[in-house]
C-alpha atoms as a PDB file:
ATOM      1  CA  MET A   1     131.888  15.009  51.795  1.00  0.00           C
ATOM      2  CA  LYS A   2     130.381  11.933  53.215  1.00  0.00           C
ATOM      3  CA  LYS A   3     129.742   8.972  51.388  1.00  0.00           C
ATOM      4  CA  GLU A   4     125.418   9.341  50.719  1.00  0.00           C
ATOM      5  CA  GLU A   5     126.311  12.953  50.128  1.00  0.00           C
ATOM      6  CA  VAL A   6     128.742  11.968  47.647  1.00  0.00           C
ATOM      7  CA  ARG A   7     126.267   9.316  46.251  1.00  0.00           C
ATOM      8  CA  SER A   8     123.272  11.317  45.820  1.00  0.00           C
ATOM      9  CA  LEU A   9     125.079  13.579  43.805  1.00  0.00           C
ATOM     10  CA  ALA A  10     126.858  11.527  42.092  1.00  0.00           C
ATOM     11  CA  SER A  11     123.899   9.915  40.729  1.00  0.00           C
ATOM     12  CA  THR A  12     122.045  13.199  39.794  1.00  0.00           C
ATOM     13  CA  TYR A  13     124.870  14.665  38.396  1.00  0.00           C
ATOM     14  CA  LEU A  14     125.805  11.270  36.072  1.00  0.00           C
ATOM     15  CA  GLU A  15     122.305  11.411  35.033  1.00  0.00           C
ATOM     16  CA  ARG A  16     122.618  15.137  33.485  1.00  0.00           C
ATOM     17  CA  ILE A  17     126.206  14.032  32.209  1.00  0.00           C
ATOM     18  CA  SER A  18     124.776  10.924  30.390  1.00  0.00           C
ATOM     19  CA  LYS A  19     121.774  12.731  29.158  1.00  0.00           C
ATOM     20  CA  TYR A  20     124.321  15.496  27.693  1.00  0.00           C
ATOM     21  CA  TYR A  21     126.771  13.140  26.303  1.00  0.00           C
ATOM     22  CA  GLY A  22     124.864  10.206  25.243  1.00  0.00           C
ATOM     23  CA  LEU A  23     125.339   6.042  25.368  1.00  0.00           C
ATOM     24  CA  SER A  24     129.515   4.440  24.505  1.00  0.00           C
ATOM     25  CA  SER A  25     129.751   2.635  21.816  1.00  0.00           C
ATOM     26  CA  PHE A  26     131.741   0.278  22.870  1.00  0.00           C
ATOM     27  CA  GLN A  27     129.243  -0.982  25.922  1.00  0.00           C
ATOM     28  CA  ALA A  28     125.567  -2.226  26.474  1.00  0.00           C
ATOM     29  CA  ALA A  29     124.700   0.222  29.459  1.00  0.00           C
ATOM     30  CA  LEU A  30     125.464   3.421  31.293  1.00  0.00           C
ATOM     31  CA  PRO A  31     128.182   2.617  33.837  1.00  0.00           C
ATOM     32  CA  TYR A  32     127.590   1.317  37.209  1.00  0.00           C
ATOM     33  CA  LEU A  33     128.371   3.744  39.920  1.00  0.00           C
ATOM     34  CA  SER A  34     130.341   2.499  43.012  1.00  0.00           C
ATOM     35  CA  LEU A  35     131.678   4.236  45.894  1.00  0.00           C
ATOM     36  CA  GLU A  36     134.894   2.509  47.236  1.00  0.00           C
ATOM     37  CA  THR A  37     137.357   3.726  50.605  1.00  0.00           C
ATOM     38  CA  ASN A  38     140.740   3.207  49.076  1.00  0.00           C
ATOM     39  CA  THR A  39     142.406   2.979  46.347  1.00  0.00           C
ATOM     40  CA  TYR A  40     144.665   0.490  44.292  1.00  0.00           C
ATOM     41  CA  GLY A  41     144.368  -2.211  47.212  1.00  0.00           C
ATOM     42  CA  ASN A  42     144.160  -0.052  50.027  1.00  0.00           C
ATOM     43  CA  ARG A  43     146.748   2.367  49.415  1.00  0.00           C
ATOM     44  CA  LYS A  44     145.620   5.737  50.955  1.00  0.00           C
ATOM     45  CA  ASP A  45     146.275   8.054  47.730  1.00  0.00           C
ATOM     46  CA  LYS A  46     144.446  11.594  48.061  1.00  0.00           C
ATOM     47  CA  SER A  47     145.233  12.083  45.032  1.00  0.00           C
ATOM     48  CA  ILE A  48     143.380   9.310  43.183  1.00  0.00           C
ATOM     49  CA  VAL A  49     139.410  10.461  43.355  1.00  0.00           C
ATOM     50  CA  ALA A  50     138.533   7.823  41.003  1.00  0.00           C
ATOM     51  CA  GLU A  51     138.849   5.395  37.935  1.00  0.00           C
ATOM     52  CA  TYR A  52     136.702   3.720  35.231  1.00  0.00           C
ATOM     53  CA  CYS A  53     137.157   0.042  34.441  1.00  0.00           C
ATOM     54  CA  SER A  54     136.087  -1.263  31.578  1.00  0.00           C
ATOM     55  CA  THR A  55     135.572  -4.636  32.115  1.00  0.00           C
ATOM     56  CA  LEU A  56     132.999  -4.147  34.795  1.00  0.00           C
ATOM     57  CA  ASN A  57     131.790  -0.847  33.181  1.00  0.00           C
ATOM     58  CA  GLU A  58     131.905   1.393  36.475  1.00  0.00           C
ATOM     59  CA  ILE A  59     133.098   4.323  37.589  1.00  0.00           C
ATOM     60  CA  GLN A  60     134.420   3.866  41.057  1.00  0.00           C
ATOM     61  CA  ILE A  61     134.862   6.806  42.249  1.00  0.00           C
ATOM     62  CA  TYR A  62     136.885   7.313  46.228  1.00  0.00           C
ATOM     63  CA  TYR A  63     134.811   9.223  47.907  1.00  0.00           C
ATOM     64  CA  ARG A  64     136.776  10.353  51.402  1.00  0.00           C
ATOM     65  CA  ASN A  65     139.113  11.706  48.486  1.00  0.00           C
ATOM     66  CA  ILE A  66     136.238  13.821  46.713  1.00  0.00           C
ATOM     67  CA  VAL A  67     136.229  17.349  48.545  1.00  0.00           C
ATOM     68  CA  SER A  68     133.961  19.611  46.632  1.00  0.00           C
ATOM     69  CA  VAL A  69     130.814  19.265  43.980  1.00  0.00           C
ATOM     70  CA  GLU A  70     132.888  21.035  41.346  1.00  0.00           C
ATOM     71  CA  GLN A  71     135.575  18.390  42.027  1.00  0.00           C
ATOM     72  CA  LEU A  72     133.121  15.094  41.485  1.00  0.00           C
ATOM     73  CA  VAL A  73     131.255  16.649  38.899  1.00  0.00           C
ATOM     74  CA  LYS A  74     134.802  17.395  36.944  1.00  0.00           C
ATOM     75  CA  THR A  75     135.697  13.711  37.916  1.00  0.00           C
ATOM     76  CA  LEU A  76     132.359  12.719  36.587  1.00  0.00           C
ATOM     77  CA  VAL A  77     132.720  13.906  33.372  1.00  0.00           C
ATOM     78  CA  HIS A  78     136.251  12.797  32.767  1.00  0.00           C
ATOM     79  CA  GLU A  79     135.509   9.275  33.987  1.00  0.00           C
ATOM     80  CA  TYR A  80     132.441   9.265  31.814  1.00  0.00           C
ATOM     81  CA  GLN A  81     134.467  10.212  28.628  1.00  0.00           C
ATOM     82  CA  HIS A  82     136.673   6.632  29.546  1.00  0.00           C
ATOM     83  CA  TYR A  83     133.265   5.426  28.958  1.00  0.00           C
ATOM     84  CA  LEU A  84     133.008   6.582  26.067  1.00  0.00           C
ATOM     85  CA  GLN A  85     136.386   5.805  24.384  1.00  0.00           C
ATOM     86  CA  SER A  86     137.384   2.409  22.936  1.00  0.00           C
ATOM     87  CA  PRO A  87     138.988   0.250  25.752  1.00  0.00           C
ATOM     88  CA  SER A  88     141.016  -1.340  22.965  1.00  0.00           C
ATOM     89  CA  TRP A  89     142.384   2.027  21.826  1.00  0.00           C
ATOM     90  CA  MET A  90     143.291   3.318  25.555  1.00  0.00           C
ATOM     91  CA  LYS A  91     145.797   0.015  25.580  1.00  0.00           C
ATOM     92  CA  ARG A  92     146.782   0.563  22.304  1.00  0.00           C
ATOM     93  CA  TYR A  93     148.069   4.424  23.183  1.00  0.00           C
ATOM     94  CA  TYR A  94     149.945   2.736  26.428  1.00  0.00           C
ATOM     95  CA  LYS A  95     151.646   0.315  24.127  1.00  0.00           C
ATOM     96  CA  MET A  96     152.808   2.707  21.597  1.00  0.00           C
ATOM     97  CA  GLY A  97     154.499   4.344  24.711  1.00  0.00           C
ATOM     98  CA  HIS A  98     152.406   7.312  25.524  1.00  0.00           C
ATOM     99  CA  THR A  99     152.093   7.839  29.368  1.00  0.00           C
ATOM    100  CA  TYR A 100     149.285   9.177  31.356  1.00  0.00           C
ATOM    101  CA  ASP A 101     150.082  12.555  30.818  1.00  0.00           C
ATOM    102  CA  THR A 102     150.375  12.285  26.713  1.00  0.00           C
ATOM    103  CA  HIS A 103     147.876  10.243  26.456  1.00  0.00           C
ATOM    104  CA  PRO A 104     145.677  11.692  24.320  1.00  0.00           C
ATOM    105  CA  TYR A 105     142.224  10.272  25.850  1.00  0.00           C
ATOM    106  CA  GLU A 106     143.315  11.689  29.078  1.00  0.00           C
ATOM    107  CA  ILE A 107     144.077  14.783  27.213  1.00  0.00           C
ATOM    108  CA  LYS A 108     140.267  14.540  25.770  1.00  0.00           C
ATOM    109  CA  ALA A 109     138.785  13.455  29.612  1.00  0.00           C
ATOM    110  CA  TYR A 110     140.483  16.504  31.167  1.00  0.00           C
ATOM    111  CA  LYS A 111     139.486  18.762  28.094  1.00  0.00           C
ATOM    112  CA  GLU A 112     136.020  18.127  28.496  1.00  0.00           C
ATOM    113  CA  GLU A 113     136.078  18.617  32.546  1.00  0.00           C
ATOM    114  CA  GLU A 114     135.719  21.866  31.314  1.00  0.00           C
ATOM    115  CA  ASN A 115     132.030  21.646  31.040  1.00  0.00           C
ATOM    116  CA  TRP A 116     131.685  20.334  34.349  1.00  0.00           C
ATOM    117  CA  ILE A 117     129.325  23.975  34.560  1.00  0.00           C
ATOM    118  CA  LYS A 118     127.132  22.895  32.175  1.00  0.00           C
ATOM    119  CA  PHE A 119     125.887  19.954  34.961  1.00  0.00           C
ATOM    120  CA  ASN A 120     125.804  21.974  37.648  1.00  0.00           C
END
């Protein structure tokens, strides 16, 4: 998808998602939306489509890796879950030995992706 198309759609869907899920108890405002070209220090990893940075309160979307509206909406729902979650517990679970695949917050975020159709 093209950058401006992703920007427009992401803004629309993020508004719908935020109205449905509400505001985070851990942030003072809605997350900022950032469209990036490359992931993790300019590595071009097509499997990474987005990430949430709690320090910046920002959802970073790697728009070149987004191939459909469904993927974009699922991605926004997933990353919005991280906005709603405790940043300290995000780190704590990893320190307890969880991996990305066993992390309770990741499992919850992936489960919520099933609700993507509510926002379409």
